Amino acid sequence: PGARELVEDVRAAGVPTALVTTTPRRLAT
């Protein structure tokens, strides 16, 4: 809840976003 909207709001403000996960790349892709 609210996650997609927050990412979109951050991007609309021109702030770069990163995703940092413990999940291995082959699972996260």
PDB file of all heavy atoms in Angstrom:
ATOM      1  N   PRO A   1       0.818  -1.217   0.000  1.00  0.00           N
ATOM      2  CA  PRO A   1       0.000   0.000   0.000  1.00  0.00           C
ATOM      3  C   PRO A   1       0.857   1.276   0.000  1.00  0.00           C
ATOM      4  O   PRO A   1       1.733   1.447   0.841  1.00  0.00           O
ATOM      5  CB  PRO A   1      -0.798  -0.120   1.304  1.00  0.00           C
ATOM      6  CG  PRO A   1      -0.901  -1.590   1.549  1.00  0.00           C
ATOM      7  CD  PRO A   1       0.414  -2.153   1.079  1.00  0.00           C
ATOM      8  N   GLY A   2       0.612   2.129  -0.979  1.00  0.00           N
ATOM      9  CA  GLY A   2       1.309   3.406  -1.072  1.00  0.00           C
ATOM     10  C   GLY A   2       2.688   3.348  -1.694  1.00  0.00           C
ATOM     11  O   GLY A   2       3.285   4.405  -1.975  1.00  0.00           O
ATOM     12  N   ALA A   3       3.223   2.142  -1.943  1.00  0.00           N
ATOM     13  CA  ALA A   3       4.609   2.028  -2.407  1.00  0.00           C
ATOM     14  C   ALA A   3       4.797   2.585  -3.815  1.00  0.00           C
ATOM     15  O   ALA A   3       5.706   3.384  -4.075  1.00  0.00           O
ATOM     16  CB  ALA A   3       5.057   0.576  -2.342  1.00  0.00           C
ATOM     17  N   ARG A   4       3.960   2.140  -4.742  1.00  0.00           N
ATOM     18  CA  ARG A   4       4.095   2.621  -6.122  1.00  0.00           C
ATOM     19  C   ARG A   4       3.913   4.133  -6.175  1.00  0.00           C
ATOM     20  O   ARG A   4       4.662   4.833  -6.871  1.00  0.00           O
ATOM     21  CB  ARG A   4       3.079   1.917  -7.015  1.00  0.00           C
ATOM     22  CG  ARG A   4       3.088   2.410  -8.447  1.00  0.00           C
ATOM     23  CD  ARG A   4       2.116   1.614  -9.310  1.00  0.00           C
ATOM     24  NE  ARG A   4       2.033   2.157 -10.650  1.00  0.00           N
ATOM     25  CZ  ARG A   4       1.298   1.629 -11.638  1.00  0.00           C
ATOM     26  NH1 ARG A   4       0.599   0.526 -11.413  1.00  0.00           N
ATOM     27  NH2 ARG A   4       1.268   2.197 -12.829  1.00  0.00           N
ATOM     28  N   GLU A   5       2.931   4.648  -5.451  1.00  0.00           N
ATOM     29  CA  GLU A   5       2.662   6.084  -5.454  1.00  0.00           C
ATOM     30  C   GLU A   5       3.847   6.883  -4.911  1.00  0.00           C
ATOM     31  O   GLU A   5       4.171   7.956  -5.423  1.00  0.00           O
ATOM     32  CB  GLU A   5       1.406   6.386  -4.635  1.00  0.00           C
ATOM     33  CG  GLU A   5       0.118   5.850  -5.230  1.00  0.00           C
ATOM     34  CD  GLU A   5      -0.125   4.367  -4.978  1.00  0.00           C
ATOM     35  OE1 GLU A   5       0.712   3.729  -4.290  1.00  0.00           O
ATOM     36  OE2 GLU A   5      -1.147   3.847  -5.446  1.00  0.00           O
ATOM     37  N   LEU A   6       4.524   6.331  -3.889  1.00  0.00           N
ATOM     38  CA  LEU A   6       5.676   7.036  -3.331  1.00  0.00           C
ATOM     39  C   LEU A   6       6.831   7.063  -4.315  1.00  0.00           C
ATOM     40  O   LEU A   6       7.477   8.106  -4.508  1.00  0.00           O
ATOM     41  CB  LEU A   6       6.128   6.377  -2.023  1.00  0.00           C
ATOM     42  CG  LEU A   6       7.374   6.993  -1.378  1.00  0.00           C
ATOM     43  CD1 LEU A   6       7.180   8.480  -1.100  1.00  0.00           C
ATOM     44  CD2 LEU A   6       7.737   6.244  -0.096  1.00  0.00           C
ATOM     45  N   VAL A   7       7.111   5.940  -4.969  1.00  0.00           N
ATOM     46  CA  VAL A   7       8.190   5.919  -5.965  1.00  0.00           C
ATOM     47  C   VAL A   7       7.891   6.926  -7.076  1.00  0.00           C
ATOM     48  O   VAL A   7       8.770   7.683  -7.514  1.00  0.00           O
ATOM     49  CB  VAL A   7       8.381   4.505  -6.548  1.00  0.00           C
ATOM     50  CG1 VAL A   7       9.436   4.528  -7.654  1.00  0.00           C
ATOM     51  CG2 VAL A   7       8.797   3.515  -5.457  1.00  0.00           C
ATOM     52  N   GLU A   8       6.659   6.943  -7.527  1.00  0.00           N
ATOM     53  CA  GLU A   8       6.280   7.881  -8.596  1.00  0.00           C
ATOM     54  C   GLU A   8       6.408   9.327  -8.133  1.00  0.00           C
ATOM     55  O   GLU A   8       6.853  10.191  -8.907  1.00  0.00           O
ATOM     56  CB  GLU A   8       4.849   7.578  -9.051  1.00  0.00           C
ATOM     57  CG  GLU A   8       4.719   6.255  -9.792  1.00  0.00           C
ATOM     58  CD  GLU A   8       3.283   5.891 -10.124  1.00  0.00           C
ATOM     59  OE1 GLU A   8       2.370   6.392  -9.430  1.00  0.00           O
ATOM     60  OE2 GLU A   8       3.083   5.124 -11.088  1.00  0.00           O
ATOM     61  N   ASP A   9       6.052   9.605  -6.889  1.00  0.00           N
ATOM     62  CA  ASP A   9       6.148  10.962  -6.358  1.00  0.00           C
ATOM     63  C   ASP A   9       7.601  11.408  -6.251  1.00  0.00           C
ATOM     64  O   ASP A   9       7.946  12.550  -6.589  1.00  0.00           O
ATOM     65  CB  ASP A   9       5.468  11.023  -4.991  1.00  0.00           C
ATOM     66  CG  ASP A   9       5.200  12.445  -4.509  1.00  0.00           C
ATOM     67  OD1 ASP A   9       4.901  13.308  -5.363  1.00  0.00           O
ATOM     68  OD2 ASP A   9       5.291  12.690  -3.301  1.00  0.00           O
ATOM     69  N   VAL A  10       8.472  10.495  -5.807  1.00  0.00           N
ATOM     70  CA  VAL A  10       9.901  10.814  -5.706  1.00  0.00           C
ATOM     71  C   VAL A  10      10.473  11.118  -7.087  1.00  0.00           C
ATOM     72  O   VAL A  10      11.208  12.096  -7.274  1.00  0.00           O
ATOM     73  CB  VAL A  10      10.658   9.651  -5.040  1.00  0.00           C
ATOM     74  CG1 VAL A  10      12.168   9.872  -5.122  1.00  0.00           C
ATOM     75  CG2 VAL A  10      10.237   9.488  -3.579  1.00  0.00           C
ATOM     76  N   ARG A  11      10.119  10.301  -8.050  1.00  0.00           N
ATOM     77  CA  ARG A  11      10.629  10.515  -9.405  1.00  0.00           C
ATOM     78  C   ARG A  11      10.098  11.810 -10.006  1.00  0.00           C
ATOM     79  O   ARG A  11      10.827  12.517 -10.715  1.00  0.00           O
ATOM     80  CB  ARG A  11      10.259   9.324 -10.286  1.00  0.00           C
ATOM     81  CG  ARG A  11      11.013   8.053  -9.927  1.00  0.00           C
ATOM     82  CD  ARG A  11      10.628   6.915 -10.839  1.00  0.00           C
ATOM     83  NE  ARG A  11      11.480   5.749 -10.635  1.00  0.00           N
ATOM     84  CZ  ARG A  11      11.388   4.645 -11.348  1.00  0.00           C
ATOM     85  NH1 ARG A  11      10.488   4.538 -12.310  1.00  0.00           N
ATOM     86  NH2 ARG A  11      12.206   3.632 -11.112  1.00  0.00           N
ATOM     87  N   ALA A  12       8.826  12.108  -9.751  1.00  0.00           N
ATOM     88  CA  ALA A  12       8.247  13.340 -10.284  1.00  0.00           C
ATOM     89  C   ALA A  12       8.956  14.570  -9.733  1.00  0.00           C
ATOM     90  O   ALA A  12       9.013  15.616 -10.388  1.00  0.00           O
ATOM     91  CB  ALA A  12       6.751  13.400  -9.956  1.00  0.00           C
ATOM     92  N   ALA A  13       9.536  14.436  -8.530  1.00  0.00           N
ATOM     93  CA  ALA A  13      10.282  15.538  -7.922  1.00  0.00           C
ATOM     94  C   ALA A  13      11.711  15.621  -8.458  1.00  0.00           C
ATOM     95  O   ALA A  13      12.472  16.504  -8.055  1.00  0.00           O
ATOM     96  CB  ALA A  13      10.304  15.367  -6.407  1.00  0.00           C
ATOM     97  N   GLY A  14      12.072  14.699  -9.351  1.00  0.00           N
ATOM     98  CA  GLY A  14      13.405  14.718  -9.935  1.00  0.00           C
ATOM     99  C   GLY A  14      14.481  14.110  -9.059  1.00  0.00           C
ATOM    100  O   GLY A  14      15.675  14.332  -9.294  1.00  0.00           O
ATOM    101  N   VAL A  15      14.074  13.344  -8.044  1.00  0.00           N
ATOM    102  CA  VAL A  15      15.039  12.721  -7.127  1.00  0.00           C
ATOM    103  C   VAL A  15      15.355  11.306  -7.616  1.00  0.00           C
ATOM    104  O   VAL A  15      14.436  10.513  -7.838  1.00  0.00           O
ATOM    105  CB  VAL A  15      14.478  12.659  -5.692  1.00  0.00           C
ATOM    106  CG1 VAL A  15      15.462  11.975  -4.758  1.00  0.00           C
ATOM    107  CG2 VAL A  15      14.155  14.067  -5.197  1.00  0.00           C
ATOM    108  N   PRO A  16      16.622  10.944  -7.797  1.00  0.00           N
ATOM    109  CA  PRO A  16      16.985   9.600  -8.253  1.00  0.00           C
ATOM    110  C   PRO A  16      16.542   8.528  -7.255  1.00  0.00           C
ATOM    111  O   PRO A  16      16.531   8.753  -6.040  1.00  0.00           O
ATOM    112  CB  PRO A  16      18.509   9.652  -8.349  1.00  0.00           C
ATOM    113  CG  PRO A  16      18.839  11.101  -8.471  1.00  0.00           C
ATOM    114  CD  PRO A  16      17.799  11.818  -7.664  1.00  0.00           C
ATOM    115  N   THR A  17      16.190   7.361  -7.794  1.00  0.00           N
ATOM    116  CA  THR A  17      15.789   6.233  -6.955  1.00  0.00           C
ATOM    117  C   THR A  17      16.690   5.035  -7.221  1.00  0.00           C
ATOM    118  O   THR A  17      17.142   4.808  -8.340  1.00  0.00           O
ATOM    119  CB  THR A  17      14.332   5.824  -7.222  1.00  0.00           C
ATOM    120  OG1 THR A  17      14.170   5.485  -8.608  1.00  0.00           O
ATOM    121  CG2 THR A  17      13.374   6.945  -6.862  1.00  0.00           C
ATOM    122  N   ALA A  18      16.936   4.264  -6.160  1.00  0.00           N
ATOM    123  CA  ALA A  18      17.685   3.022  -6.272  1.00  0.00           C
ATOM    124  C   ALA A  18      16.900   1.923  -5.572  1.00  0.00           C
ATOM    125  O   ALA A  18      16.114   2.181  -4.660  1.00  0.00           O
ATOM    126  CB  ALA A  18      19.071   3.152  -5.647  1.00  0.00           C
ATOM    127  N   LEU A  19      17.101   0.694  -5.997  1.00  0.00           N
ATOM    128  CA  LEU A  19      16.523  -0.460  -5.326  1.00  0.00           C
ATOM    129  C   LEU A  19      17.661  -1.321  -4.815  1.00  0.00           C
ATOM    130  O   LEU A  19      18.568  -1.685  -5.566  1.00  0.00           O
ATOM    131  CB  LEU A  19      15.626  -1.252  -6.267  1.00  0.00           C
ATOM    132  CG  LEU A  19      14.876  -2.397  -5.578  1.00  0.00           C
ATOM    133  CD1 LEU A  19      13.432  -2.468  -6.039  1.00  0.00           C
ATOM    134  CD2 LEU A  19      15.579  -3.729  -5.798  1.00  0.00           C
ATOM    135  N   VAL A  20      17.611  -1.637  -3.519  1.00  0.00           N
ATOM    136  CA  VAL A  20      18.690  -2.390  -2.864  1.00  0.00           C
ATOM    137  C   VAL A  20      18.070  -3.573  -2.135  1.00  0.00           C
ATOM    138  O   VAL A  20      17.357  -3.397  -1.150  1.00  0.00           O
ATOM    139  CB  VAL A  20      19.470  -1.493  -1.879  1.00  0.00           C
ATOM    140  CG1 VAL A  20      20.614  -2.267  -1.247  1.00  0.00           C
ATOM    141  CG2 VAL A  20      19.997  -0.242  -2.592  1.00  0.00           C
ATOM    142  N   THR A  21      18.323  -4.772  -2.628  1.00  0.00           N
ATOM    143  CA  THR A  21      17.669  -5.963  -2.099  1.00  0.00           C
ATOM    144  C   THR A  21      18.667  -7.065  -1.769  1.00  0.00           C
ATOM    145  O   THR A  21      19.720  -7.169  -2.407  1.00  0.00           O
ATOM    146  CB  THR A  21      16.624  -6.504  -3.103  1.00  0.00           C
ATOM    147  OG1 THR A  21      16.026  -7.696  -2.586  1.00  0.00           O
ATOM    148  CG2 THR A  21      17.254  -6.812  -4.456  1.00  0.00           C
ATOM    149  N   THR A  22      18.326  -7.879  -0.792  1.00  0.00           N
ATOM    150  CA  THR A  22      19.136  -9.048  -0.461  1.00  0.00           C
ATOM    151  C   THR A  22      18.855 -10.194  -1.428  1.00  0.00           C
ATOM    152  O   THR A  22      19.640 -11.144  -1.515  1.00  0.00           O
ATOM    153  CB  THR A  22      18.853  -9.495   0.987  1.00  0.00           C
ATOM    154  OG1 THR A  22      19.119  -8.393   1.858  1.00  0.00           O
ATOM    155  CG2 THR A  22      19.737 -10.656   1.410  1.00  0.00           C
ATOM    156  N   THR A  23      17.777 -10.110  -2.175  1.00  0.00           N
ATOM    157  CA  THR A  23      17.410 -11.153  -3.136  1.00  0.00           C
ATOM    158  C   THR A  23      18.458 -11.245  -4.239  1.00  0.00           C
ATOM    159  O   THR A  23      18.896 -10.224  -4.773  1.00  0.00           O
ATOM    160  CB  THR A  23      16.038 -10.828  -3.757  1.00  0.00           C
ATOM    161  OG1 THR A  23      15.062 -10.788  -2.714  1.00  0.00           O
ATOM    162  CG2 THR A  23      15.634 -11.864  -4.785  1.00  0.00           C
ATOM    163  N   PRO A  24      18.887 -12.469  -4.614  1.00  0.00           N
ATOM    164  CA  PRO A  24      19.845 -12.625  -5.711  1.00  0.00           C
ATOM    165  C   PRO A  24      19.293 -12.090  -7.031  1.00  0.00           C
ATOM    166  O   PRO A  24      18.073 -12.071  -7.252  1.00  0.00           O
ATOM    167  CB  PRO A  24      20.047 -14.153  -5.784  1.00  0.00           C
ATOM    168  CG  PRO A  24      19.656 -14.666  -4.442  1.00  0.00           C
ATOM    169  CD  PRO A  24      18.560 -13.761  -3.975  1.00  0.00           C
ATOM    170  N   ARG A  25      20.180 -11.691  -7.925  1.00  0.00           N
ATOM    171  CA  ARG A  25      19.783 -11.069  -9.180  1.00  0.00           C
ATOM    172  C   ARG A  25      18.866 -11.970 -10.004  1.00  0.00           C
ATOM    173  O   ARG A  25      17.891 -11.488 -10.580  1.00  0.00           O
ATOM    174  CB  ARG A  25      21.037 -10.702  -9.986  1.00  0.00           C
ATOM    175  CG  ARG A  25      20.785 -10.155 -11.383  1.00  0.00           C
ATOM    176  CD  ARG A  25      20.122  -8.804 -11.391  1.00  0.00           C
ATOM    177  NE  ARG A  25      20.953  -7.759 -10.811  1.00  0.00           N
ATOM    178  CZ  ARG A  25      20.626  -6.477 -10.801  1.00  0.00           C
ATOM    179  NH1 ARG A  25      19.481  -6.071 -11.346  1.00  0.00           N
ATOM    180  NH2 ARG A  25      21.407  -5.594 -10.233  1.00  0.00           N
ATOM    181  N   ARG A  26      19.133 -13.262 -10.062  1.00  0.00           N
ATOM    182  CA  ARG A  26      18.328 -14.126 -10.933  1.00  0.00           C
ATOM    183  C   ARG A  26      16.883 -14.230 -10.449  1.00  0.00           C
ATOM    184  O   ARG A  26      15.980 -14.456 -11.242  1.00  0.00           O
ATOM    185  CB  ARG A  26      18.953 -15.514 -11.073  1.00  0.00           C
ATOM    186  CG  ARG A  26      18.696 -16.509  -9.964  1.00  0.00           C
ATOM    187  CD  ARG A  26      19.339 -17.842 -10.307  1.00  0.00           C
ATOM    188  NE  ARG A  26      19.067 -18.870  -9.319  1.00  0.00           N
ATOM    189  CZ  ARG A  26      18.130 -19.801  -9.454  1.00  0.00           C
ATOM    190  NH1 ARG A  26      17.372 -19.817 -10.535  1.00  0.00           N
ATOM    191  NH2 ARG A  26      17.948 -20.712  -8.509  1.00  0.00           N
ATOM    192  N   LEU A  27      16.666 -14.036  -9.157  1.00  0.00           N
ATOM    193  CA  LEU A  27      15.305 -14.034  -8.632  1.00  0.00           C
ATOM    194  C   LEU A  27      14.666 -12.661  -8.776  1.00  0.00           C
ATOM    195  O   LEU A  27      13.462 -12.551  -9.009  1.00  0.00           O
ATOM    196  CB  LEU A  27      15.298 -14.428  -7.153  1.00  0.00           C
ATOM    197  CG  LEU A  27      15.274 -15.926  -6.823  1.00  0.00           C
ATOM    198  CD1 LEU A  27      16.555 -16.610  -7.286  1.00  0.00           C
ATOM    199  CD2 LEU A  27      15.081 -16.131  -5.332  1.00  0.00           C
ATOM    200  N   ALA A  28      15.460 -11.621  -8.628  1.00  0.00           N
ATOM    201  CA  ALA A  28      14.919 -10.257  -8.648  1.00  0.00           C
ATOM    202  C   ALA A  28      14.597  -9.763 -10.050  1.00  0.00           C
ATOM    203  O   ALA A  28      13.750  -8.870 -10.212  1.00  0.00           O
ATOM    204  CB  ALA A  28      15.911  -9.295  -7.991  1.00  0.00           C
ATOM    205  N   THR A  29      15.223 -10.338 -11.078  1.00  0.00           N
ATOM    206  CA  THR A  29      15.105  -9.803 -12.431  1.00  0.00           C
ATOM    207  C   THR A  29      13.665  -9.692 -12.909  1.00  0.00           C
ATOM    208  O   THR A  29      13.244  -8.651 -13.440  1.00  0.00           O
ATOM    209  CB  THR A  29      15.918 -10.662 -13.413  1.00  0.00           C
ATOM    210  OG1 THR A  29      17.313 -10.573 -13.073  1.00  0.00           O
ATOM    211  CG2 THR A  29      15.742 -10.193 -14.843  1.00  0.00           C
TER     212      THR A  29
END
